[in-house]
Amino acid sequence: MEKLLSQVKSKGENMKKILMFAIIAMFIMMPLASFAKSVISDKDLDAVTAETGVSIIFDNVKVNSAALTSMSWGDSDGYTGTTGPGYVGINGVTITGSLVEMSGTMNVDVGSDASSTKVKIDLPTVSLGGSAGMNITANLKLSGNSDLSSGATLGNIDIRGFKTSVIGTVTVFAH
């Protein structure tokens, strides 16, 4: 039993020696590692850009239909001499075709300069009307009801093959 205790004690002392050697070696090597560092100038630092932010990938996202019962603008108490409500707007709206197609990457990043903090948003390609175009028909109406359920029809709106694209960068900041 004494022999076993002696061996365990000996192994413990060896572990202490190995640990002490590792700590001493680390302190000796630390100054050597610091020689690898160099000072970077402000000009060089200005050229460094951060790589953090958020990227959102839109992979052929499409919106192909929409519904709108009515849309109106008006005054609920009229005006001097005509005190009843009055609204103008569109109803019977039909929207067909490709409404929106999005593809590409949207990057969102935040940064500061000497005067402000800004949010920069690089937009993906957004195509209104897609490749085929969008068709919109509606009735233009005057009504005493905000839902345009009654009243006079002024005419019809008929838009065919509407297409456009939105690309670019949006920057948001306080001023």
Protein backbone atom coordinates (compact mmCIF):
# COMPACT_ATOMS: atom_id res chain seq x y z
CA MET A 1 0.00 0.00 0.00
CA GLU A 2 2.86 2.37 0.84
CA LYS A 3 4.38 1.68 -2.59
CA LEU A 4 1.07 2.60 -4.30
CA LEU A 5 0.79 5.84 -2.31
CA SER A 6 4.37 6.68 -3.22
CA GLN A 7 3.62 6.21 -6.94
CA VAL A 8 0.50 8.40 -6.79
CA LYS A 9 2.45 11.11 -4.94
CA SER A 10 5.22 10.89 -7.55
CA LYS A 11 2.72 11.23 -10.43
CA GLY A 12 1.13 14.26 -8.74
CA GLU A 13 4.54 15.93 -8.40
CA ASN A 14 5.26 15.20 -12.11
CA MET A 15 1.94 16.82 -13.10
CA LYS A 16 2.82 19.89 -11.02
CA LYS A 17 6.19 20.11 -12.78
CA ILE A 18 4.58 19.81 -16.27
CA LEU A 19 1.97 22.46 -15.42
CA MET A 20 4.64 24.81 -14.02
CA PHE A 21 6.75 24.31 -17.18
CA ALA A 22 3.75 25.14 -19.41
CA ILE A 23 3.02 28.36 -17.47
CA ILE A 24 6.66 29.48 -17.61
CA ALA A 25 6.85 28.68 -21.36
CA MET A 26 3.68 30.74 -21.97
CA PHE A 27 5.15 33.78 -20.16
CA ILE A 28 8.42 33.47 -22.08
CA MET A 29 6.68 33.21 -25.47
CA MET A 30 4.19 36.07 -24.90
CA PRO A 31 6.68 38.91 -25.59
CA LEU A 32 7.81 37.12 -28.76
CA ALA A 33 4.25 37.01 -30.07
CA SER A 34 3.80 40.74 -29.44
CA PHE A 35 6.60 41.55 -31.91
CA ALA A 36 4.32 40.32 -34.73
CA LYS A 37 1.94 43.24 -34.16
CA SER A 38 2.31 46.55 -35.99
CA VAL A 39 0.62 49.93 -35.68
CA ILE A 40 -1.93 50.73 -38.40
CA SER A 41 -2.28 54.34 -39.53
CA ASP A 42 -5.59 56.23 -39.45
CA LYS A 43 -5.55 56.36 -43.26
CA ASP A 44 -5.18 52.58 -43.50
CA LEU A 45 -7.83 52.10 -40.82
CA ASP A 46 -10.29 54.29 -42.79
CA ALA A 47 -9.98 51.85 -45.71
CA VAL A 48 -11.03 48.90 -43.54
CA THR A 49 -14.73 48.08 -43.84
CA ALA A 50 -16.72 46.04 -41.40
CA GLU A 51 -18.19 42.78 -42.59
CA THR A 52 -21.00 42.49 -40.09
CA GLY A 53 -24.60 43.16 -41.01
CA VAL A 54 -27.63 41.26 -42.19
CA SER A 55 -28.16 39.75 -45.64
CA ILE A 56 -31.55 38.55 -46.82
CA ILE A 57 -31.69 36.52 -50.02
CA PHE A 58 -34.85 36.72 -52.14
CA ASP A 59 -34.98 33.70 -54.45
CA ASN A 60 -37.65 34.36 -57.10
CA VAL A 61 -40.28 35.65 -54.63
CA LYS A 62 -43.58 36.42 -56.40
CA VAL A 63 -46.92 38.00 -55.51
CA ASN A 64 -49.43 37.09 -58.22
CA SER A 65 -52.80 38.39 -57.07
CA ALA A 66 -54.40 40.99 -54.86
CA ALA A 67 -57.86 42.07 -53.88
CA LEU A 68 -59.18 45.53 -53.04
CA THR A 69 -62.88 46.16 -52.40
CA SER A 70 -62.63 49.95 -52.27
CA MET A 71 -60.33 52.84 -51.46
CA SER A 72 -61.72 56.30 -50.71
CA TRP A 73 -60.79 59.73 -49.47
CA GLY A 74 -63.30 62.10 -48.02
CA ASP A 75 -64.76 64.26 -45.34
CA SER A 76 -67.20 62.82 -42.82
CA ASP A 77 -68.85 66.17 -42.01
CA GLY A 78 -68.78 67.93 -45.38
CA TYR A 79 -68.00 71.62 -45.71
CA THR A 80 -69.82 74.95 -45.19
CA GLY A 81 -73.20 74.76 -46.88
CA THR A 82 -72.90 71.02 -47.56
CA THR A 83 -72.72 69.30 -44.19
CA GLY A 84 -73.20 65.70 -45.27
CA PRO A 85 -70.29 63.33 -45.71
CA GLY A 86 -68.64 63.02 -49.11
CA TYR A 87 -66.07 60.61 -50.50
CA VAL A 88 -64.24 60.09 -53.78
CA GLY A 89 -62.38 56.90 -54.62
CA ILE A 90 -62.29 53.61 -56.46
CA ASN A 91 -64.23 50.39 -56.01
CA GLY A 92 -64.72 47.20 -58.00
CA VAL A 93 -60.93 46.96 -58.22
CA THR A 94 -59.44 44.02 -60.12
CA ILE A 95 -55.67 43.45 -60.19
CA THR A 96 -54.31 40.62 -62.34
CA GLY A 97 -50.95 39.50 -63.70
CA SER A 98 -47.63 39.49 -61.89
CA LEU A 99 -47.80 42.07 -59.13
CA VAL A 100 -44.31 41.87 -57.62
CA GLU A 101 -41.22 39.76 -58.29
CA MET A 102 -38.12 40.01 -56.09
CA SER A 103 -34.74 38.40 -56.53
CA GLY A 104 -31.24 39.03 -55.28
CA THR A 105 -29.76 39.94 -51.93
CA MET A 106 -30.79 42.74 -49.61
CA ASN A 107 -27.95 43.85 -47.32
CA VAL A 108 -28.65 45.87 -44.18
CA ASP A 109 -25.76 47.50 -42.33
CA VAL A 110 -25.33 50.21 -39.71
CA GLY A 111 -22.38 52.57 -39.39
CA SER A 112 -21.32 55.94 -38.01
CA ASP A 113 -19.19 58.82 -39.20
CA ALA A 114 -18.29 62.06 -37.44
CA SER A 115 -21.78 63.52 -37.82
CA SER A 116 -24.35 60.71 -37.70
CA THR A 117 -25.26 57.05 -37.46
CA LYS A 118 -26.83 55.59 -40.60
CA VAL A 119 -28.66 52.44 -41.69
CA LYS A 120 -27.73 51.44 -45.25
CA ILE A 121 -30.04 49.09 -47.15
CA ASP A 122 -28.91 47.68 -50.51
CA LEU A 123 -32.14 46.62 -52.19
CA PRO A 124 -32.69 43.42 -54.17
CA THR A 125 -34.22 43.74 -57.63
CA VAL A 126 -37.94 44.44 -57.19
CA SER A 127 -40.06 44.26 -60.36
CA LEU A 128 -43.60 45.61 -60.16
CA GLY A 129 -45.64 43.89 -62.83
CA GLY A 130 -42.97 41.20 -63.29
CA SER A 131 -42.08 40.27 -66.87
CA ALA A 132 -45.69 40.03 -68.12
CA GLY A 133 -47.07 43.20 -66.57
CA MET A 134 -49.90 44.01 -64.21
CA ASN A 135 -53.49 44.89 -65.18
CA ILE A 136 -55.72 47.09 -63.03
CA THR A 137 -59.39 47.97 -63.57
CA ALA A 138 -61.62 49.97 -61.21
CA ASN A 139 -64.62 52.29 -61.01
CA LEU A 140 -64.02 55.94 -60.05
CA LYS A 141 -66.91 57.02 -57.76
CA LEU A 142 -68.40 59.81 -55.67
CA SER A 143 -70.41 58.68 -52.66
CA GLY A 144 -71.82 59.65 -49.30
CA ASN A 145 -70.44 56.36 -47.91
CA SER A 146 -66.75 55.70 -47.30
CA ASP A 147 -67.09 52.20 -48.81
CA LEU A 148 -68.45 53.78 -52.04
CA SER A 149 -71.41 51.35 -51.99
CA SER A 150 -73.74 54.00 -53.39
CA GLY A 151 -73.36 57.18 -55.38
CA ALA A 152 -72.39 58.20 -58.88
CA THR A 153 -69.78 56.51 -61.06
CA LEU A 154 -67.53 59.15 -62.64
CA GLY A 155 -65.79 56.72 -64.97
CA ASN A 156 -63.61 53.65 -65.26
CA ILE A 157 -59.89 53.13 -64.73
CA ASP A 158 -58.17 50.62 -67.03
CA ILE A 159 -54.39 50.12 -66.74
CA ARG A 160 -52.84 47.33 -68.86
CA GLY A 161 -49.32 45.87 -68.85
CA PHE A 162 -47.88 48.11 -66.12
CA LYS A 163 -44.21 47.26 -65.37
CA THR A 164 -41.36 48.96 -63.52
CA SER A 165 -38.29 48.01 -61.49
CA VAL A 166 -36.95 49.34 -58.23
CA ILE A 167 -33.20 49.01 -57.54
CA GLY A 168 -30.64 50.94 -55.52
CA THR A 169 -29.66 51.81 -52.00
CA VAL A 170 -31.70 53.40 -49.22
CA THR A 171 -29.87 55.23 -46.43
CA VAL A 172 -31.76 56.15 -43.25
CA PHE A 173 -30.45 58.68 -40.71
CA ALA A 174 -31.65 61.40 -38.37
CA HIS A 175 -30.98 65.07 -39.12
